Amino acid sequence: MSFEGIVEIFTTDLDEAVNAYLKDGWELLAINPGKEYPMYSVGRRGTKKGKLKISSEALKKASRKS
């Protein structure tokens, strides 16, 4: 699993909080031993920024206008 793209991390020992975050689309990053209970770390990925896809037809139209 890659942590690339994780923009926010939340750590807690509450099972209910972890389950709420997971239902909201966060990802479980780690489970570590705590003093009394396990510590859960969940992360949220940012929006994906990819290349803008432009159709060949749109490129042809744009080249005709210039």
Protein backbone atom coordinates (compact mmCIF):
# COMPACT_ATOMS: atom_id res chain seq x y z
CA MET A 1 0.00 0.00 0.00
CA SER A 2 1.28 3.43 -0.89
CA PHE A 3 0.84 6.50 1.30
CA GLU A 4 1.21 8.71 -1.77
CA GLY A 5 -1.69 11.12 -1.96
CA ILE A 6 -2.59 10.98 1.74
CA VAL A 7 -3.38 14.56 2.76
CA GLU A 8 -4.71 14.07 6.29
CA ILE A 9 -4.11 11.53 9.07
CA PHE A 10 -6.23 10.88 12.16
CA THR A 11 -5.13 8.66 15.06
CA THR A 12 -7.43 7.32 17.78
CA ASP A 13 -8.01 4.36 20.06
CA LEU A 14 -11.79 4.45 19.65
CA ASP A 15 -13.22 1.67 17.47
CA GLU A 16 -16.38 3.68 16.80
CA ALA A 17 -14.42 6.66 15.47
CA VAL A 18 -12.31 4.46 13.19
CA ASN A 19 -15.40 2.76 11.79
CA ALA A 20 -17.03 6.13 11.12
CA TYR A 21 -13.96 7.37 9.24
CA LEU A 22 -13.74 4.14 7.22
CA LYS A 23 -17.41 4.42 6.25
CA ASP A 24 -16.67 7.97 5.12
CA GLY A 25 -14.01 6.73 2.67
CA TRP A 26 -10.84 7.03 4.75
CA GLU A 27 -8.25 4.22 4.64
CA LEU A 28 -6.76 2.27 7.53
CA LEU A 29 -3.02 3.04 7.51
CA ALA A 30 -1.74 1.33 10.66
CA ILE A 31 -2.65 -0.37 13.92
CA ASN A 32 -0.12 0.15 16.72
CA PRO A 33 -0.11 -1.00 20.35
CA GLY A 34 -1.32 1.62 22.81
CA LYS A 35 -1.17 1.73 26.62
CA GLU A 36 -4.59 0.16 27.03
CA TYR A 37 -6.07 -0.22 23.56
CA PRO A 38 -4.74 -0.41 20.00
CA MET A 39 -4.05 2.92 18.28
CA TYR A 40 -5.56 3.18 14.81
CA SER A 41 -4.26 5.56 12.16
CA VAL A 42 -6.54 6.38 9.25
CA GLY A 43 -5.78 8.59 6.28
CA ARG A 44 -7.70 10.55 3.69
CA ARG A 45 -6.47 10.89 0.12
CA GLY A 46 -6.68 14.19 -1.70
CA THR A 47 -8.56 14.59 -4.93
CA LYS A 48 -6.78 13.03 -7.85
CA LYS A 49 -5.14 15.50 -10.15
CA GLY A 50 -4.47 13.97 -13.50
CA LYS A 51 -3.82 15.19 -16.97
CA LEU A 52 -6.69 16.97 -18.64
CA LYS A 53 -8.05 14.78 -21.42
CA ILE A 54 -9.04 16.67 -24.55
CA SER A 55 -10.64 14.87 -27.46
CA SER A 56 -9.07 15.05 -30.89
CA GLU A 57 -12.24 16.74 -32.19
CA ALA A 58 -11.89 19.53 -29.62
CA LEU A 59 -8.25 20.01 -30.61
CA LYS A 60 -9.22 20.29 -34.29
CA LYS A 61 -11.90 22.87 -33.51
CA ALA A 62 -9.49 24.90 -31.40
CA SER A 63 -6.83 24.88 -34.11
CA ARG A 64 -9.35 26.12 -36.71
CA LYS A 65 -10.25 29.14 -34.53
CA SER A 66 -6.65 30.35 -34.21
